[in-house]
Amino acid sequence: MSIHHLTSPFQDYQLSSVKAGDTIFVSGVIYAARDAAHKRMADCLRTNTTLPLNILGQTIYYMGPTPTRPGNSIGSCGPTTSSRMDKYTPLLLKQGLKAIIGKGQLSAEVDRSLMENRAVYLVALGGCGALVAQTVKSCKTVAYEDLGAEAVLCLEVKDMQTVVALDLMGTSIF
């Protein structure tokens, strides 16, 4: 098992050397989005409407945020169950999404779509949202503000610890 320090948005060459079980410390820009935002983005794609963000090379973190305390960039922000987004994920992967971060196993269909679209699945440790929050340097709402906690957020992170759950070759920790 190896340790990698990678910056999002990702390029194919960055992901080609990571293997299932490796640790990746993610820095750079990632987006946080959950069920309701995924539904809206999928609706945009189905109706040929422009997405509210360019997801080419990007990472989406399936995150459950809590209120931000004064002086912090974000509240506790642990991963949420990834399989809840399974019905939307293949559509986004076809648009160039390179990584998703969450927790738990994905469907076989999403595993195939990740491989076909040369993207990876990263997991963050559930129950450690307060630790993840320490890696978030800035947070701003970029789409669907009316969704509140399910709005799309742009996060700038520094060394967010994840584990490669599914690599480009289809090898899975599950």
N, C-alpha and C. Protein backbone atom coordinates (compact mmCIF):
# COMPACT_ATOMS: atom_id res chain seq x y z
N MET A 1 0.85 -1.18 0.00
CA MET A 1 0.00 0.00 0.00
C MET A 1 0.89 1.24 0.00
N SER A 2 0.50 2.20 -0.81
CA SER A 2 1.30 3.42 -0.98
C SER A 2 0.53 4.63 -0.48
N ILE A 3 1.26 5.70 -0.27
CA ILE A 3 0.68 6.98 0.12
C ILE A 3 0.94 7.96 -1.01
N HIS A 4 -0.11 8.70 -1.40
CA HIS A 4 -0.01 9.69 -2.48
C HIS A 4 -0.53 11.03 -1.97
N HIS A 5 0.06 12.09 -2.46
CA HIS A 5 -0.43 13.46 -2.23
C HIS A 5 -0.82 13.98 -3.61
N LEU A 6 -2.12 14.13 -3.83
CA LEU A 6 -2.62 14.54 -5.15
C LEU A 6 -3.46 15.81 -5.04
N THR A 7 -3.49 16.56 -6.14
CA THR A 7 -4.25 17.81 -6.18
C THR A 7 -5.39 17.68 -7.17
N SER A 8 -6.59 18.00 -6.70
CA SER A 8 -7.80 18.02 -7.51
C SER A 8 -7.99 19.45 -8.03
N PRO A 9 -8.44 19.61 -9.29
CA PRO A 9 -8.94 18.60 -10.21
C PRO A 9 -7.83 17.67 -10.70
N PHE A 10 -8.24 16.44 -10.97
CA PHE A 10 -7.31 15.38 -11.33
C PHE A 10 -7.15 15.24 -12.84
N GLN A 11 -5.94 14.80 -13.21
CA GLN A 11 -5.63 14.41 -14.58
C GLN A 11 -5.50 12.89 -14.59
N ASP A 12 -5.70 12.25 -15.73
CA ASP A 12 -5.59 10.79 -15.82
C ASP A 12 -4.26 10.27 -15.29
N TYR A 13 -3.18 10.94 -15.63
CA TYR A 13 -1.87 10.44 -15.22
C TYR A 13 -1.72 10.39 -13.70
N GLN A 14 -2.40 11.29 -12.97
CA GLN A 14 -2.30 11.29 -11.52
C GLN A 14 -2.94 10.03 -10.92
N LEU A 15 -4.01 9.58 -11.54
CA LEU A 15 -4.77 8.45 -11.00
C LEU A 15 -4.26 7.11 -11.47
N SER A 16 -3.42 7.10 -12.51
CA SER A 16 -2.98 5.83 -13.10
C SER A 16 -2.09 5.02 -12.17
N SER A 17 -1.45 5.66 -11.21
CA SER A 17 -0.53 4.92 -10.33
C SER A 17 -1.15 4.52 -8.99
N VAL A 18 -2.38 4.95 -8.72
CA VAL A 18 -2.98 4.61 -7.43
C VAL A 18 -3.66 3.25 -7.51
N LYS A 19 -3.61 2.54 -6.42
CA LYS A 19 -4.19 1.19 -6.35
C LYS A 19 -5.16 1.11 -5.18
N ALA A 20 -6.12 0.19 -5.29
CA ALA A 20 -7.07 -0.03 -4.19
C ALA A 20 -6.30 -0.28 -2.90
N GLY A 21 -6.71 0.41 -1.85
CA GLY A 21 -6.06 0.29 -0.56
C GLY A 21 -5.04 1.38 -0.28
N ASP A 22 -4.59 2.08 -1.34
CA ASP A 22 -3.64 3.18 -1.15
C ASP A 22 -4.31 4.34 -0.42
N THR A 23 -3.51 5.10 0.29
CA THR A 23 -3.98 6.33 0.93
C THR A 23 -3.68 7.50 0.00
N ILE A 24 -4.68 8.35 -0.17
CA ILE A 24 -4.48 9.59 -0.93
C ILE A 24 -4.82 10.76 -0.02
N PHE A 25 -3.88 11.69 0.09
CA PHE A 25 -4.14 12.95 0.76
C PHE A 25 -4.51 13.93 -0.35
N VAL A 26 -5.78 14.32 -0.39
CA VAL A 26 -6.31 15.18 -1.45
C VAL A 26 -6.18 16.64 -1.04
N SER A 27 -5.64 17.43 -1.94
CA SER A 27 -5.59 18.88 -1.77
C SER A 27 -6.21 19.51 -3.01
N GLY A 28 -6.55 20.80 -2.90
CA GLY A 28 -7.13 21.51 -4.04
C GLY A 28 -8.61 21.71 -3.89
N VAL A 29 -9.28 21.78 -5.03
CA VAL A 29 -10.72 22.05 -5.07
C VAL A 29 -11.49 20.75 -5.22
N ILE A 30 -12.48 20.56 -4.36
CA ILE A 30 -13.44 19.47 -4.50
C ILE A 30 -14.82 20.07 -4.29
N TYR A 31 -15.83 19.38 -4.78
CA TYR A 31 -17.20 19.84 -4.61
C TYR A 31 -17.94 18.87 -3.71
N ALA A 32 -18.78 19.42 -2.85
CA ALA A 32 -19.62 18.60 -1.98
C ALA A 32 -21.04 18.66 -2.53
N ALA A 33 -21.65 17.50 -2.70
CA ALA A 33 -23.02 17.44 -3.20
C ALA A 33 -23.66 16.15 -2.71
N ARG A 34 -24.96 16.22 -2.45
CA ARG A 34 -25.69 15.05 -1.98
C ARG A 34 -26.87 14.77 -2.89
N ASP A 35 -27.81 14.01 -2.40
CA ASP A 35 -28.92 13.48 -3.18
C ASP A 35 -29.67 14.53 -4.01
N ALA A 36 -30.17 15.56 -3.35
CA ALA A 36 -31.01 16.54 -4.05
C ALA A 36 -30.23 17.27 -5.14
N ALA A 37 -28.99 17.63 -4.86
CA ALA A 37 -28.16 18.30 -5.86
C ALA A 37 -27.86 17.35 -7.02
N HIS A 38 -27.59 16.09 -6.72
CA HIS A 38 -27.34 15.12 -7.79
C HIS A 38 -28.56 14.95 -8.68
N LYS A 39 -29.74 14.94 -8.08
CA LYS A 39 -30.97 14.83 -8.88
C LYS A 39 -31.08 16.02 -9.83
N ARG A 40 -30.82 17.21 -9.33
CA ARG A 40 -30.91 18.40 -10.19
C ARG A 40 -29.86 18.37 -11.30
N MET A 41 -28.64 17.95 -10.96
CA MET A 41 -27.61 17.89 -12.00
C MET A 41 -27.96 16.84 -13.05
N ALA A 42 -28.50 15.71 -12.62
CA ALA A 42 -28.92 14.67 -13.57
C ALA A 42 -30.05 15.18 -14.45
N ASP A 43 -30.98 15.93 -13.87
CA ASP A 43 -32.07 16.52 -14.66
C ASP A 43 -31.51 17.48 -15.71
N CYS A 44 -30.50 18.26 -15.35
CA CYS A 44 -29.85 19.17 -16.31
C CYS A 44 -29.30 18.36 -17.49
N LEU A 45 -28.60 17.30 -17.19
CA LEU A 45 -27.99 16.49 -18.25
C LEU A 45 -29.04 15.82 -19.12
N ARG A 46 -30.12 15.36 -18.52
CA ARG A 46 -31.18 14.69 -19.29
C ARG A 46 -31.93 15.66 -20.20
N THR A 47 -31.94 16.95 -19.83
CA THR A 47 -32.65 17.95 -20.63
C THR A 47 -31.70 18.84 -21.42
N ASN A 48 -30.43 18.43 -21.51
CA ASN A 48 -29.41 19.20 -22.25
C ASN A 48 -29.28 20.63 -21.74
N THR A 49 -29.42 20.81 -20.44
CA THR A 49 -29.21 22.10 -19.79
C THR A 49 -27.81 22.11 -19.21
N THR A 50 -27.17 23.26 -19.23
CA THR A 50 -25.81 23.38 -18.72
C THR A 50 -25.77 23.13 -17.22
N LEU A 51 -24.78 22.34 -16.79
CA LEU A 51 -24.58 22.11 -15.37
C LEU A 51 -24.13 23.41 -14.70
N PRO A 52 -24.39 23.57 -13.41
CA PRO A 52 -23.99 24.81 -12.72
C PRO A 52 -22.49 24.87 -12.42
N LEU A 53 -21.74 23.81 -12.75
CA LEU A 53 -20.30 23.80 -12.57
C LEU A 53 -19.69 22.88 -13.62
N ASN A 54 -18.45 23.15 -13.96
CA ASN A 54 -17.74 22.30 -14.91
C ASN A 54 -17.12 21.16 -14.12
N ILE A 55 -17.58 19.93 -14.33
CA ILE A 55 -17.09 18.82 -13.52
C ILE A 55 -15.93 18.06 -14.17
N LEU A 56 -15.46 18.54 -15.29
CA LEU A 56 -14.34 17.88 -15.97
C LEU A 56 -13.13 17.81 -15.05
N GLY A 57 -12.70 16.59 -14.73
CA GLY A 57 -11.54 16.37 -13.88
C GLY A 57 -11.80 16.54 -12.39
N GLN A 58 -13.02 16.90 -12.04
CA GLN A 58 -13.33 17.25 -10.66
C GLN A 58 -13.60 16.05 -9.77
N THR A 59 -13.71 16.35 -8.48
CA THR A 59 -14.03 15.39 -7.43
C THR A 59 -15.30 15.85 -6.75
N ILE A 60 -16.23 14.93 -6.52
CA ILE A 60 -17.42 15.23 -5.74
C ILE A 60 -17.37 14.41 -4.46
N TYR A 61 -17.54 15.11 -3.35
CA TYR A 61 -17.54 14.53 -2.01
C TYR A 61 -18.99 14.41 -1.56
N TYR A 62 -19.42 13.20 -1.27
CA TYR A 62 -20.76 12.96 -0.73
C TYR A 62 -20.68 13.24 0.77
N MET A 63 -21.07 14.44 1.15
CA MET A 63 -20.80 14.94 2.48
C MET A 63 -22.06 15.34 3.22
N GLY A 64 -22.07 15.05 4.51
CA GLY A 64 -23.13 15.51 5.38
C GLY A 64 -22.61 16.62 6.27
N PRO A 65 -22.86 17.89 5.93
CA PRO A 65 -22.32 18.99 6.73
C PRO A 65 -23.16 19.29 7.96
N THR A 66 -22.52 19.92 8.93
CA THR A 66 -23.23 20.44 10.09
C THR A 66 -22.99 21.95 10.12
N PRO A 67 -23.74 22.69 10.94
CA PRO A 67 -23.55 24.14 10.97
C PRO A 67 -22.10 24.53 11.30
N THR A 68 -21.68 25.63 10.68
CA THR A 68 -20.33 26.13 10.88
C THR A 68 -20.26 26.94 12.16
N ARG A 69 -19.26 26.66 12.96
CA ARG A 69 -19.04 27.44 14.18
C ARG A 69 -18.23 28.68 13.83
N PRO A 70 -18.39 29.75 14.58
CA PRO A 70 -17.62 30.97 14.32
C PRO A 70 -16.13 30.69 14.27
N GLY A 71 -15.47 31.27 13.26
CA GLY A 71 -14.03 31.12 13.11
C GLY A 71 -13.60 29.92 12.29
N ASN A 72 -14.55 29.06 11.90
CA ASN A 72 -14.22 27.88 11.11
C ASN A 72 -14.72 28.05 9.68
N SER A 73 -14.13 27.30 8.76
CA SER A 73 -14.55 27.33 7.35
C SER A 73 -15.83 26.53 7.14
N ILE A 74 -16.01 25.48 7.97
CA ILE A 74 -17.11 24.55 7.79
C ILE A 74 -17.33 23.84 9.12
N GLY A 75 -18.52 23.30 9.32
CA GLY A 75 -18.75 22.45 10.49
C GLY A 75 -18.24 21.05 10.21
N SER A 76 -18.53 20.15 11.10
CA SER A 76 -18.17 18.76 10.89
C SER A 76 -18.71 18.32 9.53
N CYS A 77 -17.90 17.58 8.77
CA CYS A 77 -18.29 17.29 7.38
C CYS A 77 -17.86 15.88 6.97
N GLY A 78 -18.47 14.92 7.60
CA GLY A 78 -18.14 13.53 7.31
C GLY A 78 -18.82 13.03 6.06
N PRO A 79 -18.35 11.87 5.56
CA PRO A 79 -18.92 11.29 4.35
C PRO A 79 -20.31 10.72 4.61
N THR A 80 -21.14 10.75 3.58
CA THR A 80 -22.44 10.12 3.65
C THR A 80 -22.42 8.89 2.74
N THR A 81 -23.43 8.06 2.85
CA THR A 81 -23.49 6.80 2.12
C THR A 81 -23.52 7.04 0.61
N SER A 82 -22.51 6.55 -0.06
CA SER A 82 -22.33 6.80 -1.49
C SER A 82 -23.40 6.16 -2.37
N SER A 83 -23.88 5.00 -1.99
CA SER A 83 -24.83 4.28 -2.85
C SER A 83 -26.12 5.06 -3.08
N ARG A 84 -26.41 6.05 -2.22
CA ARG A 84 -27.60 6.87 -2.44
C ARG A 84 -27.51 7.68 -3.72
N MET A 85 -26.30 7.91 -4.22
CA MET A 85 -26.11 8.67 -5.46
C MET A 85 -25.92 7.76 -6.67
N ASP A 86 -25.99 6.44 -6.49
CA ASP A 86 -25.70 5.50 -7.58
C ASP A 86 -26.50 5.77 -8.86
N LYS A 87 -27.76 6.14 -8.73
CA LYS A 87 -28.57 6.33 -9.95
C LYS A 87 -28.16 7.56 -10.75
N TYR A 88 -27.39 8.46 -10.14
CA TYR A 88 -26.96 9.68 -10.82
C TYR A 88 -25.50 9.64 -11.26
N THR A 89 -24.70 8.86 -10.58
CA THR A 89 -23.25 8.90 -10.77
C THR A 89 -22.80 8.60 -12.20
N PRO A 90 -23.32 7.57 -12.88
CA PRO A 90 -22.85 7.32 -14.25
C PRO A 90 -23.03 8.52 -15.19
N LEU A 91 -24.10 9.26 -15.04
CA LEU A 91 -24.31 10.45 -15.88
C LEU A 91 -23.21 11.49 -15.67
N LEU A 92 -22.82 11.68 -14.42
CA LEU A 92 -21.78 12.67 -14.12
C LEU A 92 -20.40 12.17 -14.55
N LEU A 93 -20.17 10.88 -14.39
CA LEU A 93 -18.88 10.32 -14.83
C LEU A 93 -18.70 10.51 -16.34
N LYS A 94 -19.77 10.39 -17.10
CA LYS A 94 -19.69 10.58 -18.56
C LYS A 94 -19.32 12.02 -18.93
N GLN A 95 -19.52 12.95 -18.00
CA GLN A 95 -19.18 14.36 -18.22
C GLN A 95 -17.75 14.68 -17.82
N GLY A 96 -17.01 13.67 -17.34
CA GLY A 96 -15.61 13.89 -17.02
C GLY A 96 -15.26 13.94 -15.55
N LEU A 97 -16.22 13.65 -14.67
CA LEU A 97 -15.94 13.56 -13.24
C LEU A 97 -14.85 12.51 -13.03
N LYS A 98 -13.82 12.80 -12.25
CA LYS A 98 -12.68 11.89 -12.10
C LYS A 98 -12.65 11.16 -10.77
N ALA A 99 -13.32 11.68 -9.75
CA ALA A 99 -13.29 11.00 -8.45
C ALA A 99 -14.55 11.32 -7.67
N ILE A 100 -14.97 10.32 -6.90
CA ILE A 100 -16.04 10.54 -5.93
C ILE A 100 -15.50 10.08 -4.58
N ILE A 101 -15.95 10.77 -3.53
CA ILE A 101 -15.54 10.46 -2.17
C ILE A 101 -16.79 10.24 -1.35
N GLY A 102 -16.83 9.16 -0.62
CA GLY A 102 -17.97 8.88 0.25
C GLY A 102 -17.64 7.75 1.19
N LYS A 103 -18.65 6.94 1.48
CA LYS A 103 -18.42 5.76 2.31
C LYS A 103 -19.34 4.64 1.85
N GLY A 104 -18.90 3.42 2.05
CA GLY A 104 -19.70 2.25 1.72
C GLY A 104 -19.51 1.80 0.28
N GLN A 105 -20.05 0.63 0.01
CA GLN A 105 -19.91 -0.01 -1.30
C GLN A 105 -20.87 0.60 -2.31
N LEU A 106 -20.44 0.60 -3.56
CA LEU A 106 -21.25 1.09 -4.68
C LEU A 106 -21.86 -0.09 -5.42
N SER A 107 -22.81 0.20 -6.30
CA SER A 107 -23.41 -0.86 -7.13
C SER A 107 -22.42 -1.31 -8.19
N ALA A 108 -22.64 -2.49 -8.73
CA ALA A 108 -21.80 -3.01 -9.81
C ALA A 108 -21.86 -2.09 -11.02
N GLU A 109 -23.02 -1.50 -11.28
CA GLU A 109 -23.16 -0.57 -12.41
C GLU A 109 -22.25 0.65 -12.25
N VAL A 110 -22.19 1.21 -11.06
CA VAL A 110 -21.34 2.37 -10.82
C VAL A 110 -19.86 1.96 -10.88
N ASP A 111 -19.53 0.79 -10.33
CA ASP A 111 -18.15 0.31 -10.44
C ASP A 111 -17.73 0.23 -11.91
N ARG A 112 -18.60 -0.32 -12.76
CA ARG A 112 -18.30 -0.41 -14.20
C ARG A 112 -18.14 0.96 -14.82
N SER A 113 -19.03 1.87 -14.45
CA SER A 113 -18.99 3.22 -15.00
C SER A 113 -17.72 3.95 -14.57
N LEU A 114 -17.28 3.75 -13.35
CA LEU A 114 -16.02 4.34 -12.91
C LEU A 114 -14.87 3.85 -13.79
N MET A 115 -14.82 2.53 -14.02
CA MET A 115 -13.74 1.97 -14.85
C MET A 115 -13.83 2.49 -16.29
N GLU A 116 -15.03 2.47 -16.87
CA GLU A 116 -15.22 2.92 -18.25
C GLU A 116 -14.81 4.38 -18.44
N ASN A 117 -15.01 5.19 -17.41
CA ASN A 117 -14.74 6.63 -17.50
C ASN A 117 -13.42 7.03 -16.84
N ARG A 118 -12.61 6.03 -16.49
CA ARG A 118 -11.29 6.26 -15.91
C ARG A 118 -11.35 7.20 -14.71
N ALA A 119 -12.20 6.81 -13.74
CA ALA A 119 -12.37 7.57 -12.51
C ALA A 119 -12.18 6.63 -11.32
N VAL A 120 -11.97 7.20 -10.16
CA VAL A 120 -11.75 6.41 -8.96
C VAL A 120 -12.78 6.73 -7.88
N TYR A 121 -12.96 5.74 -7.01
CA TYR A 121 -13.81 5.92 -5.83
C TYR A 121 -12.90 5.94 -4.61
N LEU A 122 -13.00 7.01 -3.86
CA LEU A 122 -12.23 7.19 -2.64
C LEU A 122 -13.19 7.15 -1.46
N VAL A 123 -12.75 6.57 -0.36
CA VAL A 123 -13.58 6.57 0.84
C VAL A 123 -12.90 7.40 1.92
N ALA A 124 -13.74 8.08 2.68
CA ALA A 124 -13.29 8.82 3.84
C ALA A 124 -13.86 8.09 5.06
N LEU A 125 -13.17 8.16 6.14
CA LEU A 125 -13.57 7.43 7.33
C LEU A 125 -14.81 8.05 7.97
N GLY A 126 -15.88 7.25 8.02
CA GLY A 126 -17.11 7.72 8.65
C GLY A 126 -16.90 7.97 10.13
N GLY A 127 -17.61 8.94 10.68
CA GLY A 127 -17.50 9.25 12.09
C GLY A 127 -16.37 10.21 12.43
N CYS A 128 -15.64 10.64 11.42
CA CYS A 128 -14.49 11.53 11.66
C CYS A 128 -14.69 12.89 10.98
N GLY A 129 -15.93 13.33 10.88
CA GLY A 129 -16.23 14.59 10.21
C GLY A 129 -15.53 15.80 10.81
N ALA A 130 -15.31 15.79 12.12
CA ALA A 130 -14.61 16.91 12.75
C ALA A 130 -13.15 16.95 12.30
N LEU A 131 -12.54 15.79 12.11
CA LEU A 131 -11.17 15.75 11.60
C LEU A 131 -11.11 16.19 10.14
N VAL A 132 -12.07 15.73 9.33
CA VAL A 132 -12.11 16.15 7.93
C VAL A 132 -12.26 17.67 7.85
N ALA A 133 -13.09 18.24 8.71
CA ALA A 133 -13.32 19.69 8.69
C ALA A 133 -12.02 20.48 8.87
N GLN A 134 -11.07 19.92 9.57
CA GLN A 134 -9.79 20.60 9.79
C GLN A 134 -8.98 20.72 8.50
N THR A 135 -9.31 19.92 7.49
CA THR A 135 -8.60 19.98 6.21
C THR A 135 -9.24 20.98 5.25
N VAL A 136 -10.44 21.47 5.58
CA VAL A 136 -11.17 22.40 4.71
C VAL A 136 -10.71 23.83 5.00
N LYS A 137 -10.08 24.43 4.01
CA LYS A 137 -9.53 25.78 4.17
C LYS A 137 -10.54 26.86 3.78
N SER A 138 -11.45 26.53 2.86
CA SER A 138 -12.51 27.46 2.50
C SER A 138 -13.71 26.68 1.99
N CYS A 139 -14.86 27.31 2.10
CA CYS A 139 -16.11 26.67 1.68
C CYS A 139 -17.06 27.76 1.19
N LYS A 140 -17.61 27.54 -0.02
CA LYS A 140 -18.62 28.49 -0.50
C LYS A 140 -19.67 27.73 -1.31
N THR A 141 -20.87 28.21 -1.22
CA THR A 141 -21.98 27.63 -1.98
C THR A 141 -21.86 28.08 -3.42
N VAL A 142 -21.94 27.12 -4.37
CA VAL A 142 -21.80 27.47 -5.78
C VAL A 142 -23.04 27.13 -6.61
N ALA A 143 -23.96 26.36 -6.06
CA ALA A 143 -25.17 26.02 -6.82
C ALA A 143 -26.26 25.51 -5.88
N TYR A 144 -27.48 25.77 -6.28
CA TYR A 144 -28.67 25.24 -5.58
C TYR A 144 -28.72 25.66 -4.11
N GLU A 145 -28.48 26.94 -3.87
CA GLU A 145 -28.48 27.47 -2.50
C GLU A 145 -29.79 27.17 -1.78
N ASP A 146 -30.89 27.10 -2.53
CA ASP A 146 -32.19 26.82 -1.92
C ASP A 146 -32.26 25.44 -1.26
N LEU A 147 -31.31 24.56 -1.55
CA LEU A 147 -31.30 23.23 -0.96
C LEU A 147 -30.68 23.19 0.44
N GLY A 148 -30.19 24.33 0.91
CA GLY A 148 -29.62 24.38 2.25
C GLY A 148 -28.42 23.46 2.39
N ALA A 149 -28.50 22.51 3.32
CA ALA A 149 -27.39 21.59 3.59
C ALA A 149 -27.07 20.69 2.39
N GLU A 150 -27.98 20.63 1.40
CA GLU A 150 -27.73 19.80 0.22
C GLU A 150 -27.31 20.61 -1.00
N ALA A 151 -27.03 21.89 -0.81
CA ALA A 151 -26.52 22.73 -1.90
C ALA A 151 -25.15 22.21 -2.33
N VAL A 152 -24.73 22.59 -3.52
CA VAL A 152 -23.39 22.24 -3.98
C VAL A 152 -22.41 23.24 -3.39
N LEU A 153 -21.40 22.71 -2.72
CA LEU A 153 -20.38 23.53 -2.10
C LEU A 153 -19.04 23.33 -2.81
N CYS A 154 -18.28 24.39 -2.92
CA CYS A 154 -16.91 24.31 -3.41
C CYS A 154 -16.01 24.38 -2.18
N LEU A 155 -15.24 23.31 -2.00
CA LEU A 155 -14.34 23.24 -0.85
C LEU A 155 -12.89 23.31 -1.34
N GLU A 156 -12.09 24.09 -0.66
CA GLU A 156 -10.65 24.04 -0.87
C GLU A 156 -10.09 23.25 0.29
N VAL A 157 -9.46 22.11 -0.02
CA VAL A 157 -8.95 21.23 1.02
C VAL A 157 -7.43 21.11 0.95
N LYS A 158 -6.87 20.77 2.08
CA LYS A 158 -5.42 20.53 2.16
C LYS A 158 -5.21 19.23 2.92
N ASP A 159 -4.73 18.22 2.20
CA ASP A 159 -4.40 16.92 2.78
C ASP A 159 -5.59 16.22 3.44
N MET A 160 -6.71 16.18 2.73
CA MET A 160 -7.87 15.40 3.19
C MET A 160 -7.55 13.92 2.98
N GLN A 161 -7.55 13.15 4.05
CA GLN A 161 -7.15 11.75 3.95
C GLN A 161 -8.29 10.87 3.43
N THR A 162 -7.98 10.11 2.39
CA THR A 162 -8.93 9.16 1.81
C THR A 162 -8.19 7.85 1.50
N VAL A 163 -8.97 6.82 1.23
CA VAL A 163 -8.42 5.53 0.82
C VAL A 163 -9.03 5.19 -0.53
N VAL A 164 -8.23 4.67 -1.45
CA VAL A 164 -8.73 4.26 -2.75
C VAL A 164 -9.57 2.99 -2.56
N ALA A 165 -10.86 3.11 -2.81
CA ALA A 165 -11.77 1.97 -2.67
C ALA A 165 -11.90 1.21 -3.98
N LEU A 166 -11.84 1.93 -5.11
CA LEU A 166 -11.90 1.30 -6.43
C LEU A 166 -10.94 2.06 -7.33
N ASP A 167 -9.97 1.34 -7.88
CA ASP A 167 -8.97 1.99 -8.73
C ASP A 167 -9.36 1.89 -10.20
N LEU A 168 -8.52 2.44 -11.07
CA LEU A 168 -8.81 2.46 -12.51
C LEU A 168 -8.90 1.07 -13.12
N MET A 169 -8.29 0.08 -12.51
CA MET A 169 -8.31 -1.29 -13.03
C MET A 169 -9.53 -2.07 -12.52
N GLY A 170 -10.33 -1.45 -11.66
CA GLY A 170 -11.50 -2.12 -11.13
C GLY A 170 -11.26 -2.93 -9.88
N THR A 171 -10.07 -2.83 -9.33
CA THR A 171 -9.77 -3.52 -8.08
C THR A 171 -10.43 -2.75 -6.93
N SER A 172 -11.12 -3.49 -6.08
CA SER A 172 -11.91 -2.88 -5.02
C SER A 172 -11.48 -3.39 -3.65
N ILE A 173 -11.55 -2.53 -2.66
CA ILE A 173 -11.30 -2.97 -1.28
C ILE A 173 -12.50 -3.73 -0.73
N PHE A 174 -13.62 -3.66 -1.42
CA PHE A 174 -14.82 -4.36 -0.95
C PHE A 174 -14.86 -5.77 -1.49
